[in-house]
């Protein structure tokens, strides 16, 4: 049975989510504070974390940052639950490594569907991909480090996912919608601009090798 940690200070929301998840066959543990969540993490790890951004003792984004910086939890699936719904808030959450972003109020059925999708994409059964390399660019999904000419480069969580996805399908055009669904998890407003910004940043960090990412006008992107 897959275990989910729900970190939410609103008791009504926490109980509603917990009841729905248990009814759907998940094991659920509830936490009202970051401190309680951290204590539980020292005992056992969940398969996925539902994380409220506005907690009483610590900002949820900072908790997410900590998870991504720790070797044991860097790949742990995390879905943010928050009342913040602006595009900038979503981009910040995704860049810190969120797998999905659900704004309040939300449909419980939709939340469960997204949880299942994230678990499937994240490979909770332990399936991992080998390192991928091409002409001096290499991504290692086990260590989550990207290299250019054997020198590591600093990428955000989403930039790494984007580069990895493009390299896995080298030579093929990946439509924008497919990239957004694969990397961000769902359709949201401002998606084209968000994708373009991440592609631009990724190209700059790759330096001269950024030219391997080709724009296919009105369609998507291709790694060549």
Protein backbone atom coordinates (compact mmCIF):
# COMPACT_ATOMS: atom_id res chain seq x y z
CA UNK A 1 0.00 0.00 0.00
CA UNK A 2 1.40 3.39 -1.00
CA UNK A 3 1.93 5.83 1.86
CA UNK A 4 1.16 9.54 1.60
CA UNK A 5 2.08 12.28 4.06
CA UNK A 6 -0.39 15.18 4.12
CA UNK A 7 1.20 18.33 5.59
CA UNK A 8 -1.66 20.83 6.02
CA UNK A 9 -2.48 23.14 8.93
CA UNK A 10 -6.19 23.45 8.06
CA UNK A 11 -7.81 20.60 9.99
CA UNK A 12 -10.93 20.46 7.80
CA UNK A 13 -8.91 20.16 4.59
CA UNK A 14 -6.54 17.67 6.17
CA UNK A 15 -9.35 15.40 7.33
CA UNK A 16 -11.17 15.62 3.99
CA UNK A 17 -8.05 14.73 2.02
CA UNK A 18 -7.13 11.95 4.42
CA UNK A 19 -10.58 10.37 4.25
CA UNK A 20 -10.64 10.51 0.43
CA UNK A 21 -7.17 9.00 0.11
CA UNK A 22 -7.85 6.19 2.56
CA UNK A 23 -11.06 5.42 0.66
CA UNK A 24 -8.95 5.18 -2.50
CA UNK A 25 -6.60 2.60 -0.97
CA UNK A 26 -3.74 4.78 0.25
CA UNK A 27 -2.12 4.78 3.68
CA UNK A 28 -2.18 8.35 5.03
CA UNK A 29 -0.42 10.21 7.84
CA UNK A 30 -1.48 13.76 8.72
CA UNK A 31 0.69 16.63 9.98
CA UNK A 32 -0.31 20.16 10.96
CA UNK A 33 3.22 21.56 11.25
CA UNK A 34 6.60 21.27 9.58
CA UNK A 35 8.10 20.09 12.86
CA UNK A 36 5.71 17.12 13.09
CA UNK A 37 6.42 16.26 9.46
CA UNK A 38 10.20 16.31 9.98
CA UNK A 39 9.88 14.09 13.05
CA UNK A 40 7.88 11.53 11.06
CA UNK A 41 10.42 11.62 8.20
CA UNK A 42 13.13 10.53 10.61
CA UNK A 43 11.14 7.37 11.33
CA UNK A 44 9.83 6.38 7.89
CA UNK A 45 9.57 7.76 4.36
CA UNK A 46 6.36 8.19 2.35
CA UNK A 47 5.83 7.48 -1.34
CA UNK A 48 4.48 11.01 -1.87
CA UNK A 49 4.07 14.25 0.10
CA UNK A 50 1.11 16.63 -0.11
CA UNK A 51 2.60 19.90 1.12
CA UNK A 52 0.82 23.11 2.05
CA UNK A 53 2.89 26.21 1.33
CA UNK A 54 1.59 28.39 4.17
CA UNK A 55 2.37 26.46 7.35
CA UNK A 56 2.51 28.09 10.81
CA UNK A 57 6.15 27.24 11.57
CA UNK A 58 7.88 27.11 8.18
CA UNK A 59 7.25 28.05 4.57
CA UNK A 60 6.38 25.01 2.48
CA UNK A 61 8.73 26.09 -0.31
CA UNK A 62 11.63 25.96 2.14
CA UNK A 63 10.59 22.47 3.18
CA UNK A 64 10.53 21.47 -0.48
CA UNK A 65 13.97 22.99 -1.01
CA UNK A 66 15.30 20.93 1.89
CA UNK A 67 13.82 17.74 0.47
CA UNK A 68 15.41 18.36 -2.92
CA UNK A 69 18.82 19.13 -1.42
CA UNK A 70 18.96 15.90 0.62
CA UNK A 71 20.26 12.81 -1.18
CA UNK A 72 17.64 10.53 0.39
CA UNK A 73 14.61 12.66 -0.52
CA UNK A 74 15.72 14.51 -3.65
CA UNK A 75 13.48 12.40 -5.90
CA UNK A 76 10.54 12.06 -3.52
CA UNK A 77 7.28 13.09 -5.26
CA UNK A 78 5.83 16.32 -3.82
CA UNK A 79 2.53 18.00 -4.68
CA UNK A 80 2.03 21.53 -3.36
CA UNK A 81 -1.36 22.44 -1.88
CA UNK A 82 -1.87 26.19 -1.69
CA UNK A 83 -4.21 29.14 -2.01
CA UNK A 84 -1.54 30.98 -4.04
CA UNK A 85 -2.53 30.67 -7.68
CA UNK A 86 -0.54 33.27 -9.63
CA UNK A 87 1.72 32.13 -12.45
CA UNK A 88 4.83 33.38 -10.62
CA UNK A 89 3.91 31.31 -7.55
CA UNK A 90 3.48 28.22 -9.69
CA UNK A 91 6.78 28.75 -11.50
CA UNK A 92 8.57 29.24 -8.17
CA UNK A 93 7.10 26.00 -6.86
CA UNK A 94 8.00 24.04 -9.97
CA UNK A 95 11.52 25.45 -10.06
CA UNK A 96 12.05 24.33 -6.48
CA UNK A 97 11.17 20.80 -7.57
CA UNK A 98 7.41 20.39 -7.10
CA UNK A 99 5.92 17.57 -9.17
CA UNK A 100 2.51 19.22 -9.27
CA UNK A 101 0.71 22.28 -7.91
CA UNK A 102 -2.91 22.18 -6.70
CA UNK A 103 -4.70 25.40 -5.76
CA UNK A 104 -7.44 25.68 -3.12
CA UNK A 105 -10.30 25.11 -3.29
CA UNK A 106 -9.81 21.89 -5.22
CA UNK A 107 -11.76 18.82 -6.24
CA UNK A 108 -10.79 15.79 -4.15
CA UNK A 109 -11.34 13.52 -7.13
CA UNK A 110 -9.00 15.66 -9.23
CA UNK A 111 -6.41 15.62 -6.45
CA UNK A 112 -6.50 11.82 -6.29
CA UNK A 113 -6.13 11.64 -10.08
CA UNK A 114 -3.09 13.91 -9.95
CA UNK A 115 -1.56 11.92 -7.11
CA UNK A 116 -1.86 8.72 -9.14
CA UNK A 117 -0.36 10.44 -12.19
CA UNK A 118 2.61 11.79 -10.21
CA UNK A 119 3.26 8.41 -8.60
CA UNK A 120 3.22 6.78 -12.02
CA UNK A 121 5.56 9.36 -13.55
CA UNK A 122 7.92 9.27 -10.59
CA UNK A 123 8.57 5.53 -10.80
CA UNK A 124 7.81 4.70 -7.18
CA UNK A 125 8.56 1.05 -7.88
CA UNK A 126 12.23 1.93 -8.14
CA UNK A 127 12.64 1.85 -11.91
CA UNK A 128 15.46 4.17 -12.95
CA UNK A 129 16.98 5.21 -16.26
CA UNK A 130 20.65 4.96 -17.21
CA UNK A 131 22.73 8.08 -17.78
CA UNK A 132 22.16 9.69 -21.18
CA UNK A 133 24.93 11.44 -23.12
CA UNK A 134 25.44 13.09 -26.49
CA UNK A 135 28.37 15.14 -27.80
CA UNK A 136 29.64 16.26 -24.42
CA UNK A 137 26.27 16.69 -22.71
CA UNK A 138 25.38 14.08 -20.09
CA UNK A 139 22.53 13.70 -17.62
CA UNK A 140 22.72 11.21 -14.78
CA UNK A 141 19.26 10.56 -13.38
CA UNK A 142 20.59 8.61 -10.41
CA UNK A 143 22.66 11.52 -9.11
CA UNK A 144 20.48 14.14 -10.86
CA UNK A 145 23.56 15.94 -12.12
CA UNK A 146 24.06 17.28 -15.65
CA UNK A 147 27.49 17.69 -17.22
CA UNK A 148 28.93 19.65 -20.13
CA UNK A 149 32.31 18.32 -21.24
CA UNK A 150 32.55 16.40 -17.93
CA UNK A 151 32.03 19.57 -15.87
CA UNK A 152 28.86 19.62 -13.72
CA UNK A 153 26.41 22.44 -14.35
CA UNK A 154 23.77 23.81 -11.99
CA UNK A 155 20.21 23.24 -13.17
CA UNK A 156 16.90 23.76 -11.42
CA UNK A 157 14.77 20.70 -10.84
CA UNK A 158 12.57 21.43 -13.87
CA UNK A 159 15.51 22.33 -16.11
CA UNK A 160 17.07 18.95 -15.35
CA UNK A 161 13.79 17.16 -16.11
CA UNK A 162 13.41 19.12 -19.34
CA UNK A 163 16.94 18.37 -20.56
CA UNK A 164 16.56 14.70 -19.66
CA UNK A 165 13.27 14.41 -21.54
CA UNK A 166 14.64 16.12 -24.64
CA UNK A 167 17.74 13.93 -24.69
CA UNK A 168 15.73 10.74 -24.25
CA UNK A 169 13.91 11.58 -27.49
CA UNK A 170 16.90 12.95 -29.41
CA UNK A 171 16.02 13.64 -33.02
CA UNK A 172 12.27 13.69 -32.41
CA UNK A 173 10.11 16.78 -32.10
CA UNK A 174 8.33 16.93 -28.74
CA UNK A 175 5.16 19.06 -28.83
CA UNK A 176 4.78 21.79 -26.21
CA UNK A 177 1.71 20.12 -24.72
CA UNK A 178 3.58 16.85 -24.24
CA UNK A 179 6.49 18.58 -22.53
CA UNK A 180 4.17 20.49 -20.19
CA UNK A 181 2.26 17.33 -19.32
CA UNK A 182 5.44 15.32 -18.75
CA UNK A 183 7.50 17.91 -16.86
CA UNK A 184 4.88 20.05 -15.15
CA UNK A 185 2.15 17.46 -14.92
CA UNK A 186 -0.86 19.38 -16.15
CA UNK A 187 -2.08 22.28 -18.29
CA UNK A 188 -2.00 25.73 -16.71
CA UNK A 189 -2.30 29.34 -17.92
CA UNK A 190 0.87 30.92 -19.23
CA UNK A 191 2.32 27.55 -20.16
CA UNK A 192 3.96 28.66 -23.43
CA UNK A 193 5.85 31.49 -21.80
CA UNK A 194 6.89 29.28 -18.89
CA UNK A 195 8.27 26.62 -21.22
CA UNK A 196 10.09 29.19 -23.36
CA UNK A 197 11.69 30.75 -20.27
CA UNK A 198 12.97 27.38 -19.09
CA UNK A 199 14.29 26.49 -22.55
CA UNK A 200 16.09 29.84 -22.75
CA UNK A 201 17.66 29.36 -19.33
CA UNK A 202 18.68 25.80 -20.17
CA UNK A 203 20.35 26.90 -23.40
CA UNK A 204 22.35 29.57 -21.57
CA UNK A 205 23.58 27.07 -18.98
CA UNK A 206 24.63 24.64 -21.71
CA UNK A 207 26.71 27.39 -23.33
CA UNK A 208 27.73 26.67 -26.91
CA UNK A 209 26.04 23.28 -26.66
CA UNK A 210 22.71 25.00 -26.12
CA UNK A 211 22.37 24.93 -29.90
CA UNK A 212 21.51 21.23 -29.58
CA UNK A 213 18.04 22.34 -28.44
CA UNK A 214 16.19 23.34 -31.57
CA UNK A 215 12.91 25.28 -31.65
CA UNK A 216 10.31 23.86 -34.04
CA UNK A 217 8.08 26.85 -34.64
CA UNK A 218 4.43 26.43 -33.60
CA UNK A 219 5.08 22.83 -32.57
CA UNK A 220 7.66 22.32 -29.83
CA UNK A 221 11.34 21.47 -29.34
CA UNK A 222 13.86 18.92 -30.54
CA UNK A 223 17.26 17.84 -29.21
CA UNK A 224 19.70 17.31 -32.10
